[in-house]
Amino acid sequence: MNRPIALGLGCDRGTPAATLVWAVVDALASCGARLGDVSAVASIDLKADEAGLAELARWQGWTIRFYPAAELAAVPVPHPSETVRKYTGTPSVSEAAALLAAGAGMDHLLVEKHKYRGPDGRNATVSIARIPQ
């Protein structure tokens, strides 16, 4: 693939880095991308203290940008969720975060809301957007 992409990440509270890694690798494989293609990573500011996200970022040398719910809520996405809105204040975390980090619209989403449940029972969601060149 070899083109820059942005990851949007969402997860249950307390999701370990190992589950996040598998979720990311699984999502990347679904669109033929590699870890080396990742140029931007983002999530919701409610997750700024998530140890698993911090560990994932350290492992890959990524800086995660954390957006407030209101900013994420303003982004049109293909799969808004009222459940997500109830807990976070926005109908989308991963899709909206990927699009904001990519600086792109919905037509740049390569992977929409890829859900992964780890062996620990924790859930992670990864969305991938192509960064316009």
N, C-alpha and C. Protein backbone atom coordinates (compact mmCIF):
# COMPACT_ATOMS: atom_id res chain seq x y z
N MET A 1 0.85 -1.19 0.00
CA MET A 1 0.00 0.00 0.00
C MET A 1 0.89 1.24 0.00
N ASN A 2 1.70 1.42 1.05
CA ASN A 2 2.70 2.47 1.13
C ASN A 2 2.15 3.88 0.90
N ARG A 3 1.06 4.20 1.53
CA ARG A 3 0.55 5.56 1.52
C ARG A 3 0.14 5.91 2.95
N PRO A 4 0.24 7.17 3.32
CA PRO A 4 -0.02 7.53 4.71
C PRO A 4 -1.49 7.36 5.11
N ILE A 5 -1.66 6.79 6.30
CA ILE A 5 -3.01 6.58 6.83
C ILE A 5 -3.08 7.09 8.27
N ALA A 6 -4.31 7.30 8.70
CA ALA A 6 -4.58 7.71 10.08
C ALA A 6 -5.42 6.63 10.74
N LEU A 7 -5.09 6.31 11.99
CA LEU A 7 -5.86 5.37 12.78
C LEU A 7 -6.73 6.13 13.78
N GLY A 8 -7.97 5.72 13.89
CA GLY A 8 -8.84 6.17 14.97
C GLY A 8 -9.05 4.99 15.89
N LEU A 9 -8.82 5.19 17.19
CA LEU A 9 -8.89 4.09 18.14
C LEU A 9 -9.92 4.34 19.23
N GLY A 10 -10.70 3.32 19.52
CA GLY A 10 -11.62 3.34 20.65
C GLY A 10 -11.44 2.04 21.41
N CYS A 11 -11.74 2.05 22.70
CA CYS A 11 -11.59 0.82 23.48
C CYS A 11 -12.36 0.90 24.79
N ASP A 12 -12.61 -0.28 25.35
CA ASP A 12 -13.17 -0.36 26.69
C ASP A 12 -12.13 0.18 27.67
N ARG A 13 -12.61 0.69 28.79
CA ARG A 13 -11.70 1.13 29.86
C ARG A 13 -10.88 -0.07 30.31
N GLY A 14 -9.57 0.11 30.43
CA GLY A 14 -8.70 -0.96 30.91
C GLY A 14 -8.29 -1.98 29.86
N THR A 15 -8.48 -1.66 28.59
CA THR A 15 -8.08 -2.59 27.54
C THR A 15 -6.55 -2.67 27.48
N PRO A 16 -5.98 -3.88 27.59
CA PRO A 16 -4.52 -4.00 27.56
C PRO A 16 -3.94 -3.73 26.17
N ALA A 17 -2.68 -3.33 26.15
CA ALA A 17 -1.99 -3.02 24.90
C ALA A 17 -2.03 -4.19 23.93
N ALA A 18 -1.91 -5.42 24.43
CA ALA A 18 -1.90 -6.59 23.55
C ALA A 18 -3.18 -6.68 22.73
N THR A 19 -4.32 -6.41 23.34
CA THR A 19 -5.59 -6.44 22.61
C THR A 19 -5.63 -5.32 21.58
N LEU A 20 -5.13 -4.15 21.94
CA LEU A 20 -5.08 -3.02 20.99
C LEU A 20 -4.17 -3.33 19.81
N VAL A 21 -3.04 -3.95 20.08
CA VAL A 21 -2.11 -4.32 19.00
C VAL A 21 -2.80 -5.26 18.03
N TRP A 22 -3.46 -6.29 18.54
CA TRP A 22 -4.14 -7.24 17.65
C TRP A 22 -5.26 -6.57 16.87
N ALA A 23 -5.98 -5.66 17.51
CA ALA A 23 -7.05 -4.94 16.82
C ALA A 23 -6.47 -4.11 15.67
N VAL A 24 -5.37 -3.42 15.91
CA VAL A 24 -4.73 -2.59 14.89
C VAL A 24 -4.20 -3.45 13.75
N VAL A 25 -3.48 -4.52 14.09
CA VAL A 25 -2.91 -5.40 13.07
C VAL A 25 -4.02 -6.02 12.21
N ASP A 26 -5.09 -6.44 12.85
CA ASP A 26 -6.24 -7.03 12.15
C ASP A 26 -6.87 -6.01 11.19
N ALA A 27 -7.06 -4.78 11.66
CA ALA A 27 -7.67 -3.73 10.83
C ALA A 27 -6.75 -3.37 9.66
N LEU A 28 -5.44 -3.24 9.93
CA LEU A 28 -4.49 -2.93 8.86
C LEU A 28 -4.51 -4.02 7.79
N ALA A 29 -4.53 -5.28 8.22
CA ALA A 29 -4.53 -6.40 7.27
C ALA A 29 -5.78 -6.36 6.39
N SER A 30 -6.90 -5.91 6.94
CA SER A 30 -8.16 -5.90 6.18
C SER A 30 -8.13 -4.92 5.00
N CYS A 31 -7.19 -3.95 5.02
CA CYS A 31 -7.11 -3.01 3.89
C CYS A 31 -5.74 -3.03 3.22
N GLY A 32 -4.92 -4.02 3.55
CA GLY A 32 -3.63 -4.16 2.91
C GLY A 32 -2.59 -3.14 3.36
N ALA A 33 -2.79 -2.55 4.53
CA ALA A 33 -1.85 -1.55 5.05
C ALA A 33 -0.88 -2.20 6.03
N ARG A 34 0.18 -1.45 6.35
CA ARG A 34 1.19 -1.93 7.29
C ARG A 34 1.36 -0.90 8.41
N LEU A 35 1.98 -1.33 9.50
CA LEU A 35 2.25 -0.40 10.61
C LEU A 35 3.06 0.80 10.13
N GLY A 36 3.96 0.58 9.19
CA GLY A 36 4.78 1.66 8.67
C GLY A 36 4.02 2.71 7.88
N ASP A 37 2.77 2.39 7.47
CA ASP A 37 1.94 3.36 6.74
C ASP A 37 1.26 4.36 7.68
N VAL A 38 1.24 4.06 8.98
CA VAL A 38 0.52 4.89 9.95
C VAL A 38 1.27 6.20 10.19
N SER A 39 0.63 7.31 9.86
CA SER A 39 1.22 8.64 10.03
C SER A 39 0.54 9.45 11.12
N ALA A 40 -0.67 9.05 11.50
CA ALA A 40 -1.42 9.78 12.52
C ALA A 40 -2.29 8.80 13.30
N VAL A 41 -2.45 9.06 14.59
CA VAL A 41 -3.26 8.21 15.47
C VAL A 41 -4.07 9.12 16.37
N ALA A 42 -5.35 8.77 16.57
CA ALA A 42 -6.21 9.64 17.38
C ALA A 42 -7.26 8.85 18.13
N SER A 43 -7.79 9.47 19.18
CA SER A 43 -8.88 8.90 19.97
C SER A 43 -9.61 10.06 20.66
N ILE A 44 -10.46 9.71 21.59
CA ILE A 44 -11.22 10.70 22.36
C ILE A 44 -10.44 11.09 23.61
N ASP A 45 -10.58 12.32 24.06
CA ASP A 45 -9.82 12.79 25.22
C ASP A 45 -10.14 12.00 26.50
N LEU A 46 -11.28 11.34 26.55
CA LEU A 46 -11.62 10.50 27.70
C LEU A 46 -10.62 9.34 27.85
N LYS A 47 -9.91 9.02 26.78
CA LYS A 47 -8.96 7.89 26.78
C LYS A 47 -7.51 8.35 26.94
N ALA A 48 -7.29 9.62 27.21
CA ALA A 48 -5.93 10.15 27.31
C ALA A 48 -5.12 9.48 28.42
N ASP A 49 -5.81 8.89 29.41
CA ASP A 49 -5.10 8.23 30.51
C ASP A 49 -5.12 6.71 30.40
N GLU A 50 -5.52 6.18 29.25
CA GLU A 50 -5.56 4.73 29.04
C GLU A 50 -4.15 4.17 28.95
N ALA A 51 -3.78 3.31 29.88
CA ALA A 51 -2.43 2.73 29.89
C ALA A 51 -2.15 1.90 28.63
N GLY A 52 -3.14 1.16 28.16
CA GLY A 52 -2.95 0.34 26.96
C GLY A 52 -2.66 1.18 25.72
N LEU A 53 -3.36 2.29 25.58
CA LEU A 53 -3.10 3.19 24.44
C LEU A 53 -1.71 3.80 24.55
N ALA A 54 -1.32 4.20 25.76
CA ALA A 54 0.01 4.79 25.97
C ALA A 54 1.10 3.78 25.64
N GLU A 55 0.89 2.53 26.04
CA GLU A 55 1.88 1.48 25.77
C GLU A 55 1.99 1.21 24.27
N LEU A 56 0.84 1.15 23.58
CA LEU A 56 0.83 0.96 22.13
C LEU A 56 1.58 2.09 21.45
N ALA A 57 1.33 3.32 21.85
CA ALA A 57 1.98 4.49 21.25
C ALA A 57 3.50 4.44 21.48
N ARG A 58 3.91 4.10 22.69
CA ARG A 58 5.35 4.00 23.00
C ARG A 58 6.01 2.93 22.13
N TRP A 59 5.36 1.79 22.00
CA TRP A 59 5.89 0.66 21.23
C TRP A 59 6.14 1.06 19.78
N GLN A 60 5.22 1.85 19.20
CA GLN A 60 5.33 2.22 17.79
C GLN A 60 5.97 3.60 17.57
N GLY A 61 6.21 4.34 18.66
CA GLY A 61 6.76 5.68 18.52
C GLY A 61 5.73 6.67 18.01
N TRP A 62 4.45 6.39 18.28
CA TRP A 62 3.36 7.26 17.83
C TRP A 62 3.03 8.30 18.90
N THR A 63 2.53 9.43 18.44
CA THR A 63 1.92 10.41 19.32
C THR A 63 0.42 10.33 19.04
N ILE A 64 -0.37 10.07 20.07
CA ILE A 64 -1.82 9.99 19.87
C ILE A 64 -2.43 11.36 20.14
N ARG A 65 -3.23 11.81 19.20
CA ARG A 65 -3.95 13.07 19.38
C ARG A 65 -5.31 12.73 19.98
N PHE A 66 -5.66 13.42 21.06
CA PHE A 66 -6.94 13.17 21.73
C PHE A 66 -7.89 14.34 21.49
N TYR A 67 -9.04 14.03 20.90
CA TYR A 67 -10.04 15.04 20.57
C TYR A 67 -11.17 15.06 21.59
N PRO A 68 -11.70 16.25 21.90
CA PRO A 68 -12.88 16.31 22.78
C PRO A 68 -14.11 15.76 22.07
N ALA A 69 -15.06 15.26 22.87
CA ALA A 69 -16.29 14.65 22.32
C ALA A 69 -17.01 15.59 21.36
N ALA A 70 -17.09 16.87 21.68
CA ALA A 70 -17.82 17.82 20.83
C ALA A 70 -17.20 17.90 19.43
N GLU A 71 -15.88 17.84 19.36
CA GLU A 71 -15.21 17.91 18.06
C GLU A 71 -15.46 16.62 17.27
N LEU A 72 -15.41 15.49 17.93
CA LEU A 72 -15.70 14.21 17.27
C LEU A 72 -17.15 14.15 16.81
N ALA A 73 -18.06 14.66 17.64
CA ALA A 73 -19.49 14.60 17.33
C ALA A 73 -19.85 15.40 16.08
N ALA A 74 -19.02 16.37 15.71
CA ALA A 74 -19.30 17.23 14.56
C ALA A 74 -18.91 16.57 13.22
N VAL A 75 -18.27 15.41 13.29
CA VAL A 75 -17.79 14.73 12.08
C VAL A 75 -18.83 13.73 11.59
N PRO A 76 -19.29 13.86 10.33
CA PRO A 76 -20.22 12.87 9.78
C PRO A 76 -19.51 11.53 9.60
N VAL A 77 -20.15 10.45 10.08
CA VAL A 77 -19.58 9.11 9.99
C VAL A 77 -20.63 8.12 9.48
N PRO A 78 -20.19 7.00 8.91
CA PRO A 78 -21.15 6.03 8.38
C PRO A 78 -21.86 5.19 9.45
N HIS A 79 -21.25 5.06 10.64
CA HIS A 79 -21.84 4.18 11.65
C HIS A 79 -21.96 4.84 13.03
N PRO A 80 -22.78 5.89 13.14
CA PRO A 80 -22.94 6.50 14.47
C PRO A 80 -23.64 5.53 15.42
N SER A 81 -23.33 5.66 16.71
CA SER A 81 -23.90 4.75 17.70
C SER A 81 -24.45 5.54 18.89
N GLU A 82 -25.71 5.30 19.19
CA GLU A 82 -26.31 5.96 20.35
C GLU A 82 -25.71 5.42 21.65
N THR A 83 -25.28 4.17 21.65
CA THR A 83 -24.63 3.60 22.84
C THR A 83 -23.33 4.33 23.11
N VAL A 84 -22.54 4.53 22.06
CA VAL A 84 -21.27 5.25 22.20
C VAL A 84 -21.55 6.68 22.68
N ARG A 85 -22.58 7.33 22.11
CA ARG A 85 -22.93 8.70 22.51
C ARG A 85 -23.29 8.75 24.00
N LYS A 86 -24.03 7.74 24.47
CA LYS A 86 -24.47 7.70 25.87
C LYS A 86 -23.28 7.72 26.83
N TYR A 87 -22.20 7.01 26.46
CA TYR A 87 -21.05 6.89 27.36
C TYR A 87 -19.95 7.93 27.12
N THR A 88 -19.90 8.49 25.90
CA THR A 88 -18.78 9.38 25.59
C THR A 88 -19.19 10.80 25.22
N GLY A 89 -20.46 11.00 24.86
CA GLY A 89 -20.90 12.32 24.42
C GLY A 89 -20.76 12.53 22.93
N THR A 90 -20.32 11.51 22.20
CA THR A 90 -20.22 11.58 20.74
C THR A 90 -20.70 10.25 20.15
N PRO A 91 -21.36 10.27 18.99
CA PRO A 91 -21.84 9.02 18.39
C PRO A 91 -20.73 8.20 17.72
N SER A 92 -19.52 8.74 17.66
CA SER A 92 -18.42 8.01 17.04
C SER A 92 -17.10 8.41 17.67
N VAL A 93 -16.29 7.41 17.99
CA VAL A 93 -14.93 7.68 18.45
C VAL A 93 -13.95 7.30 17.33
N SER A 94 -13.87 6.02 16.97
CA SER A 94 -12.81 5.61 16.05
C SER A 94 -12.96 6.20 14.65
N GLU A 95 -14.17 6.17 14.08
CA GLU A 95 -14.34 6.71 12.72
C GLU A 95 -14.08 8.21 12.70
N ALA A 96 -14.68 8.94 13.64
CA ALA A 96 -14.51 10.39 13.67
C ALA A 96 -13.05 10.77 13.94
N ALA A 97 -12.40 10.04 14.86
CA ALA A 97 -11.00 10.34 15.19
C ALA A 97 -10.10 10.09 13.98
N ALA A 98 -10.34 9.00 13.25
CA ALA A 98 -9.54 8.71 12.06
C ALA A 98 -9.69 9.81 11.02
N LEU A 99 -10.93 10.25 10.79
CA LEU A 99 -11.17 11.29 9.79
C LEU A 99 -10.57 12.63 10.20
N LEU A 100 -10.69 12.99 11.48
CA LEU A 100 -10.08 14.24 11.95
C LEU A 100 -8.56 14.17 11.82
N ALA A 101 -7.98 13.06 12.24
CA ALA A 101 -6.52 12.92 12.18
C ALA A 101 -6.01 12.94 10.73
N ALA A 102 -6.83 12.42 9.81
CA ALA A 102 -6.45 12.39 8.39
C ALA A 102 -6.72 13.73 7.71
N GLY A 103 -7.56 14.56 8.33
CA GLY A 103 -7.96 15.81 7.69
C GLY A 103 -8.77 15.53 6.44
N ALA A 104 -9.64 14.53 6.52
CA ALA A 104 -10.36 14.06 5.34
C ALA A 104 -11.83 13.80 5.63
N GLY A 105 -12.59 13.62 4.56
CA GLY A 105 -14.01 13.31 4.68
C GLY A 105 -14.26 11.81 4.62
N MET A 106 -15.54 11.46 4.76
CA MET A 106 -15.95 10.06 4.82
C MET A 106 -15.47 9.23 3.63
N ASP A 107 -15.31 9.86 2.48
CA ASP A 107 -14.88 9.12 1.28
C ASP A 107 -13.43 8.62 1.40
N HIS A 108 -12.71 9.04 2.46
CA HIS A 108 -11.34 8.57 2.66
C HIS A 108 -11.24 7.42 3.67
N LEU A 109 -12.39 6.99 4.22
CA LEU A 109 -12.36 5.86 5.17
C LEU A 109 -12.03 4.57 4.42
N LEU A 110 -10.96 3.93 4.84
CA LEU A 110 -10.58 2.64 4.26
C LEU A 110 -11.17 1.49 5.08
N VAL A 111 -11.22 1.68 6.39
CA VAL A 111 -11.78 0.67 7.30
C VAL A 111 -12.74 1.38 8.24
N GLU A 112 -13.99 0.97 8.19
CA GLU A 112 -15.03 1.56 9.03
C GLU A 112 -15.22 0.73 10.29
N LYS A 113 -15.00 1.32 11.43
CA LYS A 113 -15.38 0.73 12.72
C LYS A 113 -15.10 -0.78 12.81
N HIS A 114 -13.85 -1.15 12.69
CA HIS A 114 -13.42 -2.55 12.79
C HIS A 114 -13.42 -2.94 14.28
N LYS A 115 -14.28 -3.87 14.63
CA LYS A 115 -14.41 -4.27 16.05
C LYS A 115 -13.58 -5.51 16.33
N TYR A 116 -12.90 -5.49 17.48
CA TYR A 116 -12.07 -6.62 17.88
C TYR A 116 -12.30 -6.87 19.37
N ARG A 117 -12.57 -8.12 19.71
CA ARG A 117 -12.74 -8.49 21.12
C ARG A 117 -11.56 -9.38 21.50
N GLY A 118 -10.78 -8.93 22.47
CA GLY A 118 -9.60 -9.67 22.88
C GLY A 118 -9.94 -10.87 23.73
N PRO A 119 -8.97 -11.75 23.93
CA PRO A 119 -9.17 -12.92 24.78
C PRO A 119 -9.45 -12.51 26.23
N ASP A 120 -9.12 -11.28 26.57
CA ASP A 120 -9.38 -10.73 27.91
C ASP A 120 -10.82 -10.24 28.06
N GLY A 121 -11.61 -10.30 26.94
CA GLY A 121 -12.99 -9.85 26.97
C GLY A 121 -13.15 -8.36 26.72
N ARG A 122 -12.06 -7.64 26.56
CA ARG A 122 -12.10 -6.20 26.29
C ARG A 122 -12.29 -5.95 24.80
N ASN A 123 -12.99 -4.88 24.48
CA ASN A 123 -13.28 -4.53 23.09
C ASN A 123 -12.46 -3.34 22.64
N ALA A 124 -12.00 -3.41 21.41
CA ALA A 124 -11.30 -2.28 20.78
C ALA A 124 -11.93 -2.04 19.42
N THR A 125 -11.93 -0.81 18.98
CA THR A 125 -12.45 -0.44 17.69
C THR A 125 -11.39 0.36 16.95
N VAL A 126 -11.14 0.00 15.70
CA VAL A 126 -10.14 0.69 14.90
C VAL A 126 -10.79 1.13 13.59
N SER A 127 -10.59 2.38 13.23
CA SER A 127 -10.99 2.87 11.90
C SER A 127 -9.74 3.41 11.23
N ILE A 128 -9.70 3.31 9.91
CA ILE A 128 -8.53 3.76 9.15
C ILE A 128 -8.98 4.68 8.03
N ALA A 129 -8.33 5.84 7.95
CA ALA A 129 -8.62 6.80 6.90
C ALA A 129 -7.33 7.10 6.13
N ARG A 130 -7.47 7.24 4.82
CA ARG A 130 -6.36 7.62 3.98
C ARG A 130 -6.12 9.12 4.14
N ILE A 131 -4.88 9.51 4.29
CA ILE A 131 -4.52 10.92 4.41
C ILE A 131 -4.35 11.48 3.00
N PRO A 132 -5.13 12.50 2.64
CA PRO A 132 -5.01 13.07 1.28
C PRO A 132 -3.60 13.63 1.06
N GLN A 133 -3.10 13.47 -0.14
CA GLN A 133 -1.75 13.97 -0.47
C GLN A 133 -1.82 15.20 -1.34
